[in-house]
PDB file of all heavy atoms in Angstrom:
ATOM      1  N   GLU A   1      -8.908  12.123   2.260  1.00  0.00           N
ATOM      2  CA  GLU A   1     -10.165  12.705   1.773  1.00  0.00           C
ATOM      3  C   GLU A   1     -11.237  11.638   1.556  1.00  0.00           C
ATOM      4  O   GLU A   1     -12.428  11.905   1.731  1.00  0.00           O
ATOM      5  CB  GLU A   1      -9.915  13.459   0.465  1.00  0.00           C
ATOM      6  CG  GLU A   1      -9.172  14.765   0.635  1.00  0.00           C
ATOM      7  CD  GLU A   1      -8.986  15.479  -0.694  1.00  0.00           C
ATOM      8  OE1 GLU A   1      -9.618  15.050  -1.697  1.00  0.00           O
ATOM      9  OE2 GLU A   1      -8.235  16.461  -0.751  1.00  0.00           O
ATOM     10  N   LEU A   2     -10.822  10.444   1.158  1.00  0.00           N
ATOM     11  CA  LEU A   2     -11.790   9.412   0.787  1.00  0.00           C
ATOM     12  C   LEU A   2     -12.154   8.484   1.935  1.00  0.00           C
ATOM     13  O   LEU A   2     -13.254   7.925   1.959  1.00  0.00           O
ATOM     14  CB  LEU A   2     -11.250   8.579  -0.376  1.00  0.00           C
ATOM     15  CG  LEU A   2     -11.074   9.294  -1.704  1.00  0.00           C
ATOM     16  CD1 LEU A   2     -10.658   8.290  -2.790  1.00  0.00           C
ATOM     17  CD2 LEU A   2     -12.361  10.004  -2.131  1.00  0.00           C
ATOM     18  N   TYR A   3     -11.241   8.262   2.880  1.00  0.00           N
ATOM     19  CA  TYR A   3     -11.477   7.315   3.963  1.00  0.00           C
ATOM     20  C   TYR A   3     -11.453   8.032   5.307  1.00  0.00           C
ATOM     21  O   TYR A   3     -10.581   8.885   5.561  1.00  0.00           O
ATOM     22  CB  TYR A   3     -10.402   6.218   3.956  1.00  0.00           C
ATOM     23  CG  TYR A   3     -10.469   5.322   2.725  1.00  0.00           C
ATOM     24  CD1 TYR A   3      -9.688   5.589   1.602  1.00  0.00           C
ATOM     25  CD2 TYR A   3     -11.305   4.208   2.695  1.00  0.00           C
ATOM     26  CE1 TYR A   3      -9.742   4.785   0.474  1.00  0.00           C
ATOM     27  CE2 TYR A   3     -11.363   3.378   1.574  1.00  0.00           C
ATOM     28  CZ  TYR A   3     -10.580   3.687   0.474  1.00  0.00           C
ATOM     29  OH  TYR A   3     -10.641   2.869  -0.651  1.00  0.00           O
ATOM     30  N   ARG A   4     -12.386   7.675   6.177  1.00  0.00           N
ATOM     31  CA  ARG A   4     -12.456   8.312   7.477  1.00  0.00           C
ATOM     32  C   ARG A   4     -11.268   7.926   8.358  1.00  0.00           C
ATOM     33  O   ARG A   4     -10.828   8.708   9.199  1.00  0.00           O
ATOM     34  CB  ARG A   4     -13.753   7.907   8.180  1.00  0.00           C
ATOM     35  CG  ARG A   4     -15.008   8.382   7.472  1.00  0.00           C
ATOM     36  CD  ARG A   4     -16.237   8.046   8.319  1.00  0.00           C
ATOM     37  NE  ARG A   4     -17.472   8.379   7.626  1.00  0.00           N
ATOM     38  CZ  ARG A   4     -18.684   8.217   8.146  1.00  0.00           C
ATOM     39  NH1 ARG A   4     -18.817   7.732   9.386  1.00  0.00           N
ATOM     40  NH2 ARG A   4     -19.755   8.527   7.449  1.00  0.00           N
ATOM     41  N   ASP A   5     -10.802   6.686   8.197  1.00  0.00           N
ATOM     42  CA  ASP A   5      -9.745   6.175   9.052  1.00  0.00           C
ATOM     43  C   ASP A   5      -8.878   5.216   8.254  1.00  0.00           C
ATOM     44  O   ASP A   5      -9.357   4.618   7.284  1.00  0.00           O
ATOM     45  CB  ASP A   5     -10.382   5.438  10.257  1.00  0.00           C
ATOM     46  CG  ASP A   5      -9.366   5.080  11.320  1.00  0.00           C
ATOM     47  OD1 ASP A   5      -8.788   3.980  11.218  1.00  0.00           O
ATOM     48  OD2 ASP A   5      -9.141   5.873  12.238  1.00  0.00           O
ATOM     49  N   VAL A   6      -7.609   5.049   8.644  1.00  0.00           N
ATOM     50  CA  VAL A   6      -6.741   4.108   7.935  1.00  0.00           C
ATOM     51  C   VAL A   6      -7.254   2.681   7.996  1.00  0.00           C
ATOM     52  O   VAL A   6      -6.998   1.872   7.100  1.00  0.00           O
ATOM     53  CB  VAL A   6      -5.280   4.176   8.467  1.00  0.00           C
ATOM     54  CG1 VAL A   6      -4.616   5.477   8.083  1.00  0.00           C
ATOM     55  CG2 VAL A   6      -5.246   3.946   9.965  1.00  0.00           C
ATOM     56  N   ASP A   7      -8.015   2.361   9.052  1.00  0.00           N
ATOM     57  CA  ASP A   7      -8.559   0.996   9.162  1.00  0.00           C
ATOM     58  C   ASP A   7      -9.674   0.730   8.162  1.00  0.00           C
ATOM     59  O   ASP A   7     -10.093  -0.420   8.009  1.00  0.00           O
ATOM     60  CB  ASP A   7      -9.089   0.756  10.579  1.00  0.00           C
ATOM     61  CG  ASP A   7      -7.968   0.536  11.580  1.00  0.00           C
ATOM     62  OD1 ASP A   7      -6.906   0.052  11.174  1.00  0.00           O
ATOM     63  OD2 ASP A   7      -8.165   0.847  12.773  1.00  0.00           O
ATOM     64  N   ASP A   8     -10.163   1.765   7.485  1.00  0.00           N
ATOM     65  CA  ASP A   8     -11.225   1.582   6.497  1.00  0.00           C
ATOM     66  C   ASP A   8     -10.681   1.328   5.086  1.00  0.00           C
ATOM     67  O   ASP A   8     -11.453   0.935   4.196  1.00  0.00           O
ATOM     68  CB  ASP A   8     -12.118   2.840   6.453  1.00  0.00           C
ATOM     69  CG  ASP A   8     -12.887   3.066   7.725  1.00  0.00           C
ATOM     70  OD1 ASP A   8     -13.207   2.066   8.408  1.00  0.00           O
ATOM     71  OD2 ASP A   8     -13.161   4.243   8.061  1.00  0.00           O
ATOM     72  N   ILE A   9      -9.398   1.554   4.860  1.00  0.00           N
ATOM     73  CA  ILE A   9      -8.860   1.513   3.501  1.00  0.00           C
ATOM     74  C   ILE A   9      -9.020   0.141   2.873  1.00  0.00           C
ATOM     75  O   ILE A   9      -8.673  -0.885   3.477  1.00  0.00           O
ATOM     76  CB  ILE A   9      -7.374   1.924   3.501  1.00  0.00           C
ATOM     77  CG1 ILE A   9      -7.227   3.384   3.936  1.00  0.00           C
ATOM     78  CG2 ILE A   9      -6.754   1.747   2.101  1.00  0.00           C
ATOM     79  CD1 ILE A   9      -5.778   3.837   4.079  1.00  0.00           C
ATOM     80  N   ASP A  10      -9.595   0.118   1.672  1.00  0.00           N
ATOM     81  CA  ASP A  10      -9.733  -1.138   0.929  1.00  0.00           C
ATOM     82  C   ASP A  10      -8.378  -1.791   0.718  1.00  0.00           C
ATOM     83  O   ASP A  10      -7.382  -1.085   0.455  1.00  0.00           O
ATOM     84  CB  ASP A  10     -10.348  -0.867  -0.445  1.00  0.00           C
ATOM     85  CG  ASP A  10     -11.797  -0.442  -0.379  1.00  0.00           C
ATOM     86  OD1 ASP A  10     -12.641  -1.308  -0.133  1.00  0.00           O
ATOM     87  OD2 ASP A  10     -12.080   0.757  -0.582  1.00  0.00           O
ATOM     88  N   LEU A  11      -8.326  -3.112   0.777  1.00  0.00           N
ATOM     89  CA  LEU A  11      -7.081  -3.813   0.509  1.00  0.00           C
ATOM     90  C   LEU A  11      -6.517  -3.406  -0.845  1.00  0.00           C
ATOM     91  O   LEU A  11      -5.316  -3.108  -0.944  1.00  0.00           O
ATOM     92  CB  LEU A  11      -7.326  -5.328   0.525  1.00  0.00           C
ATOM     93  CG  LEU A  11      -6.138  -6.194   0.036  1.00  0.00           C
ATOM     94  CD1 LEU A  11      -4.945  -6.038   0.948  1.00  0.00           C
ATOM     95  CD2 LEU A  11      -6.553  -7.647  -0.092  1.00  0.00           C
ATOM     96  N   TYR A  12      -7.335  -3.372  -1.869  1.00  0.00           N
ATOM     97  CA  TYR A  12      -6.848  -3.090  -3.215  1.00  0.00           C
ATOM     98  C   TYR A  12      -6.210  -1.708  -3.304  1.00  0.00           C
ATOM     99  O   TYR A  12      -5.158  -1.530  -3.932  1.00  0.00           O
ATOM    100  CB  TYR A  12      -7.996  -3.205  -4.218  1.00  0.00           C
ATOM    101  CG  TYR A  12      -7.564  -3.178  -5.664  1.00  0.00           C
ATOM    102  CD1 TYR A  12      -6.962  -4.281  -6.235  1.00  0.00           C
ATOM    103  CD2 TYR A  12      -7.765  -2.049  -6.450  1.00  0.00           C
ATOM    104  CE1 TYR A  12      -6.557  -4.272  -7.558  1.00  0.00           C
ATOM    105  CE2 TYR A  12      -7.370  -2.029  -7.780  1.00  0.00           C
ATOM    106  CZ  TYR A  12      -6.769  -3.136  -8.329  1.00  0.00           C
ATOM    107  OH  TYR A  12      -6.374  -3.110  -9.638  1.00  0.00           O
ATOM    108  N   VAL A  13      -6.820  -0.741  -2.645  1.00  0.00           N
ATOM    109  CA  VAL A  13      -6.271   0.634  -2.661  1.00  0.00           C
ATOM    110  C   VAL A  13      -4.986   0.686  -1.837  1.00  0.00           C
ATOM    111  O   VAL A  13      -3.978   1.251  -2.274  1.00  0.00           O
ATOM    112  CB  VAL A  13      -7.311   1.632  -2.129  1.00  0.00           C
ATOM    113  CG1 VAL A  13      -6.676   3.023  -1.967  1.00  0.00           C
ATOM    114  CG2 VAL A  13      -8.506   1.701  -3.082  1.00  0.00           C
ATOM    115  N   GLY A  14      -5.002   0.116  -0.638  1.00  0.00           N
ATOM    116  CA  GLY A  14      -3.829   0.175   0.211  1.00  0.00           C
ATOM    117  C   GLY A  14      -2.617  -0.513  -0.373  1.00  0.00           C
ATOM    118  O   GLY A  14      -1.484  -0.020  -0.252  1.00  0.00           O
ATOM    119  N   LEU A  15      -2.831  -1.614  -1.059  1.00  0.00           N
ATOM    120  CA  LEU A  15      -1.722  -2.339  -1.697  1.00  0.00           C
ATOM    121  C   LEU A  15      -0.938  -1.450  -2.636  1.00  0.00           C
ATOM    122  O   LEU A  15       0.304  -1.521  -2.684  1.00  0.00           O
ATOM    123  CB  LEU A  15      -2.260  -3.544  -2.470  1.00  0.00           C
ATOM    124  CG  LEU A  15      -2.678  -4.772  -1.683  1.00  0.00           C
ATOM    125  CD1 LEU A  15      -3.420  -5.747  -2.582  1.00  0.00           C
ATOM    126  CD2 LEU A  15      -1.462  -5.456  -1.063  1.00  0.00           C
ATOM    127  N   PHE A  16      -1.648  -0.645  -3.400  1.00  0.00           N
ATOM    128  CA  PHE A  16      -0.974   0.159  -4.436  1.00  0.00           C
ATOM    129  C   PHE A  16      -0.652   1.577  -3.956  1.00  0.00           C
ATOM    130  O   PHE A  16       0.123   2.283  -4.606  1.00  0.00           O
ATOM    131  CB  PHE A  16      -1.826   0.190  -5.699  1.00  0.00           C
ATOM    132  CG  PHE A  16      -1.947  -1.174  -6.334  1.00  0.00           C
ATOM    133  CD1 PHE A  16      -3.072  -1.956  -6.133  1.00  0.00           C
ATOM    134  CD2 PHE A  16      -0.924  -1.682  -7.102  1.00  0.00           C
ATOM    135  CE1 PHE A  16      -3.173  -3.224  -6.693  1.00  0.00           C
ATOM    136  CE2 PHE A  16      -1.021  -2.942  -7.682  1.00  0.00           C
ATOM    137  CZ  PHE A  16      -2.150  -3.713  -7.475  1.00  0.00           C
ATOM    138  N   ALA A  17      -1.238   1.983  -2.829  1.00  0.00           N
ATOM    139  CA  ALA A  17      -0.891   3.289  -2.268  1.00  0.00           C
ATOM    140  C   ALA A  17       0.437   3.226  -1.510  1.00  0.00           C
ATOM    141  O   ALA A  17       1.176   4.216  -1.439  1.00  0.00           O
ATOM    142  CB  ALA A  17      -2.001   3.756  -1.331  1.00  0.00           C
ATOM    143  N   GLU A  18       0.736   2.082  -0.940  1.00  0.00           N
ATOM    144  CA  GLU A  18       1.957   1.890  -0.154  1.00  0.00           C
ATOM    145  C   GLU A  18       3.184   2.144  -1.027  1.00  0.00           C
ATOM    146  O   GLU A  18       3.226   1.704  -2.174  1.00  0.00           O
ATOM    147  CB  GLU A  18       1.966   0.460   0.378  1.00  0.00           C
ATOM    148  CG  GLU A  18       2.814   0.219   1.581  1.00  0.00           C
ATOM    149  CD  GLU A  18       2.647  -1.206   2.092  1.00  0.00           C
ATOM    150  OE1 GLU A  18       3.219  -2.130   1.474  1.00  0.00           O
ATOM    151  OE2 GLU A  18       1.923  -1.395   3.082  1.00  0.00           O
ATOM    152  N   GLU A  19       4.175   2.808  -0.463  1.00  0.00           N
ATOM    153  CA  GLU A  19       5.374   3.076  -1.250  1.00  0.00           C
ATOM    154  C   GLU A  19       6.376   1.941  -1.103  1.00  0.00           C
ATOM    155  O   GLU A  19       6.391   1.232  -0.084  1.00  0.00           O
ATOM    156  CB  GLU A  19       6.013   4.396  -0.838  1.00  0.00           C
ATOM    157  CG  GLU A  19       6.596   4.408   0.565  1.00  0.00           C
ATOM    158  CD  GLU A  19       7.257   5.735   0.894  1.00  0.00           C
ATOM    159  OE1 GLU A  19       7.890   6.308   0.004  1.00  0.00           O
ATOM    160  OE2 GLU A  19       7.119   6.183   2.044  1.00  0.00           O
ATOM    161  N   PRO A  20       7.243   1.732  -2.105  1.00  0.00           N
ATOM    162  CA  PRO A  20       8.267   0.687  -2.017  1.00  0.00           C
ATOM    163  C   PRO A  20       9.228   0.922  -0.862  1.00  0.00           C
ATOM    164  O   PRO A  20       9.370   2.034  -0.357  1.00  0.00           O
ATOM    165  CB  PRO A  20       8.983   0.780  -3.368  1.00  0.00           C
ATOM    166  CG  PRO A  20       7.987   1.421  -4.289  1.00  0.00           C
ATOM    167  CD  PRO A  20       7.225   2.381  -3.410  1.00  0.00           C
ATOM    168  N   GLY A  21       9.890  -0.167  -0.456  1.00  0.00           N
ATOM    169  CA  GLY A  21      10.800  -0.088   0.690  1.00  0.00           C
ATOM    170  C   GLY A  21      12.115   0.564   0.399  1.00  0.00           C
ATOM    171  O   GLY A  21      12.857   0.911   1.302  1.00  0.00           O
ATOM    172  N   SER A  22      12.453   0.717  -0.906  1.00  0.00           N
ATOM    173  CA  SER A  22      13.707   1.374  -1.291  1.00  0.00           C
ATOM    174  C   SER A  22      13.559   1.849  -2.728  1.00  0.00           C
ATOM    175  O   SER A  22      12.676   1.411  -3.454  1.00  0.00           O
ATOM    176  CB  SER A  22      14.881   0.397  -1.181  1.00  0.00           C
ATOM    177  OG  SER A  22      14.882  -0.519  -2.274  1.00  0.00           O
ATOM    178  N   PRO A  23      14.453   2.770  -3.180  1.00  0.00           N
ATOM    179  CA  PRO A  23      14.362   3.245  -4.570  1.00  0.00           C
ATOM    180  C   PRO A  23      14.502   2.146  -5.602  1.00  0.00           C
ATOM    181  O   PRO A  23      14.006   2.269  -6.721  1.00  0.00           O
ATOM    182  CB  PRO A  23      15.513   4.262  -4.644  1.00  0.00           C
ATOM    183  CG  PRO A  23      15.730   4.707  -3.242  1.00  0.00           C
ATOM    184  CD  PRO A  23      15.450   3.499  -2.402  1.00  0.00           C
ATOM    185  N   ASP A  24      15.188   1.049  -5.261  1.00  0.00           N
ATOM    186  CA  ASP A  24      15.379  -0.035  -6.221  1.00  0.00           C
ATOM    187  C   ASP A  24      14.259  -1.059  -6.224  1.00  0.00           C
ATOM    188  O   ASP A  24      14.248  -1.951  -7.067  1.00  0.00           O
ATOM    189  CB  ASP A  24      16.715  -0.767  -5.938  1.00  0.00           C
ATOM    190  CG  ASP A  24      17.902   0.089  -6.303  1.00  0.00           C
ATOM    191  OD1 ASP A  24      17.797   0.920  -7.219  1.00  0.00           O
ATOM    192  OD2 ASP A  24      18.961  -0.063  -5.640  1.00  0.00           O
ATOM    193  N   ALA A  25      13.340  -0.933  -5.286  1.00  0.00           N
ATOM    194  CA  ALA A  25      12.227  -1.890  -5.225  1.00  0.00           C
ATOM    195  C   ALA A  25      11.147  -1.520  -6.226  1.00  0.00           C
ATOM    196  O   ALA A  25      10.827  -0.331  -6.407  1.00  0.00           O
ATOM    197  CB  ALA A  25      11.658  -1.932  -3.818  1.00  0.00           C
ATOM    198  N   ILE A  26      10.583  -2.517  -6.910  1.00  0.00           N
ATOM    199  CA  ILE A  26       9.523  -2.294  -7.865  1.00  0.00           C
ATOM    200  C   ILE A  26       8.167  -2.264  -7.169  1.00  0.00           C
ATOM    201  O   ILE A  26       7.271  -1.502  -7.532  1.00  0.00           O
ATOM    202  CB  ILE A  26       9.536  -3.399  -8.933  1.00  0.00           C
ATOM    203  CG1 ILE A  26      10.800  -3.302  -9.778  1.00  0.00           C
ATOM    204  CG2 ILE A  26       8.296  -3.347  -9.815  1.00  0.00           C
ATOM    205  CD1 ILE A  26      10.966  -4.467 -10.719  1.00  0.00           C
ATOM    206  N   LEU A  27       8.012  -3.097  -6.122  1.00  0.00           N
ATOM    207  CA  LEU A  27       6.745  -3.244  -5.437  1.00  0.00           C
ATOM    208  C   LEU A  27       6.849  -2.795  -4.001  1.00  0.00           C
ATOM    209  O   LEU A  27       7.906  -2.905  -3.376  1.00  0.00           O
ATOM    210  CB  LEU A  27       6.306  -4.714  -5.463  1.00  0.00           C
ATOM    211  CG  LEU A  27       6.204  -5.398  -6.832  1.00  0.00           C
ATOM    212  CD1 LEU A  27       5.852  -6.873  -6.650  1.00  0.00           C
ATOM    213  CD2 LEU A  27       5.151  -4.715  -7.696  1.00  0.00           C
ATOM    214  N   PRO A  28       5.745  -2.333  -3.413  1.00  0.00           N
ATOM    215  CA  PRO A  28       5.729  -2.014  -1.986  1.00  0.00           C
ATOM    216  C   PRO A  28       5.774  -3.287  -1.139  1.00  0.00           C
ATOM    217  O   PRO A  28       5.537  -4.394  -1.653  1.00  0.00           O
ATOM    218  CB  PRO A  28       4.416  -1.247  -1.796  1.00  0.00           C
ATOM    219  CG  PRO A  28       3.599  -1.529  -2.990  1.00  0.00           C
ATOM    220  CD  PRO A  28       4.501  -1.939  -4.088  1.00  0.00           C
ATOM    221  N   PRO A  29       6.080  -3.171   0.153  1.00  0.00           N
ATOM    222  CA  PRO A  29       6.347  -4.351   0.986  1.00  0.00           C
ATOM    223  C   PRO A  29       5.192  -5.356   1.093  1.00  0.00           C
ATOM    224  O   PRO A  29       5.406  -6.552   0.964  1.00  0.00           O
ATOM    225  CB  PRO A  29       6.684  -3.760   2.351  1.00  0.00           C
ATOM    226  CG  PRO A  29       7.239  -2.407   2.039  1.00  0.00           C
ATOM    227  CD  PRO A  29       6.449  -1.917   0.864  1.00  0.00           C
ATOM    228  N   LEU A  30       3.944  -4.892   1.363  1.00  0.00           N
ATOM    229  CA  LEU A  30       2.857  -5.840   1.527  1.00  0.00           C
ATOM    230  C   LEU A  30       2.571  -6.568   0.222  1.00  0.00           C
ATOM    231  O   LEU A  30       2.375  -7.805   0.213  1.00  0.00           O
ATOM    232  CB  LEU A  30       1.591  -5.124   2.016  1.00  0.00           C
ATOM    233  CG  LEU A  30       0.377  -6.039   2.236  1.00  0.00           C
ATOM    234  CD1 LEU A  30       0.672  -7.119   3.267  1.00  0.00           C
ATOM    235  CD2 LEU A  30      -0.827  -5.189   2.702  1.00  0.00           C
ATOM    236  N   LEU A  31       2.570  -5.865  -0.879  1.00  0.00           N
ATOM    237  CA  LEU A  31       2.361  -6.481  -2.180  1.00  0.00           C
ATOM    238  C   LEU A  31       3.453  -7.507  -2.466  1.00  0.00           C
ATOM    239  O   LEU A  31       3.187  -8.621  -2.954  1.00  0.00           O
ATOM    240  CB  LEU A  31       2.346  -5.402  -3.263  1.00  0.00           C
ATOM    241  CG  LEU A  31       1.813  -5.758  -4.642  1.00  0.00           C
ATOM    242  CD1 LEU A  31       0.384  -6.229  -4.570  1.00  0.00           C
ATOM    243  CD2 LEU A  31       1.922  -4.551  -5.563  1.00  0.00           C
ATOM    244  N   THR A  32       4.688  -7.152  -2.164  1.00  0.00           N
ATOM    245  CA  THR A  32       5.820  -8.064  -2.361  1.00  0.00           C
ATOM    246  C   THR A  32       5.647  -9.336  -1.563  1.00  0.00           C
ATOM    247  O   THR A  32       5.859 -10.451  -2.063  1.00  0.00           O
ATOM    248  CB  THR A  32       7.146  -7.383  -1.970  1.00  0.00           C
ATOM    249  OG1 THR A  32       7.333  -6.222  -2.774  1.00  0.00           O
ATOM    250  CG2 THR A  32       8.329  -8.325  -2.169  1.00  0.00           C
ATOM    251  N   LYS A  33       5.242  -9.190  -0.313  1.00  0.00           N
ATOM    252  CA  LYS A  33       5.143 -10.360   0.553  1.00  0.00           C
ATOM    253  C   LYS A  33       4.030 -11.307   0.096  1.00  0.00           C
ATOM    254  O   LYS A  33       4.211 -12.518   0.061  1.00  0.00           O
ATOM    255  CB  LYS A  33       4.929  -9.933   2.012  1.00  0.00           C
ATOM    256  CG  LYS A  33       5.020 -11.091   2.978  1.00  0.00           C
ATOM    257  CD  LYS A  33       5.009 -10.657   4.427  1.00  0.00           C
ATOM    258  CE  LYS A  33       6.329 -10.094   4.875  1.00  0.00           C
ATOM    259  NZ  LYS A  33       6.433  -9.946   6.364  1.00  0.00           N
ATOM    260  N   ILE A  34       2.870 -10.756  -0.257  1.00  0.00           N
ATOM    261  CA  ILE A  34       1.767 -11.605  -0.714  1.00  0.00           C
ATOM    262  C   ILE A  34       2.164 -12.338  -1.991  1.00  0.00           C
ATOM    263  O   ILE A  34       1.898 -13.539  -2.157  1.00  0.00           O
ATOM    264  CB  ILE A  34       0.487 -10.791  -0.912  1.00  0.00           C
ATOM    265  CG1 ILE A  34      -0.026 -10.267   0.433  1.00  0.00           C
ATOM    266  CG2 ILE A  34      -0.589 -11.615  -1.593  1.00  0.00           C
ATOM    267  CD1 ILE A  34      -1.235  -9.364   0.320  1.00  0.00           C
TER     268      ILE A  34
END
């Protein structure tokens, strides 16, 4: 609803929108890697 395309998503929003890689993970993958 907010972004026309996935390539427009702000880094800050995308970092926290991404879901973790497993139920035991606290952070999503990109956030974890950075």
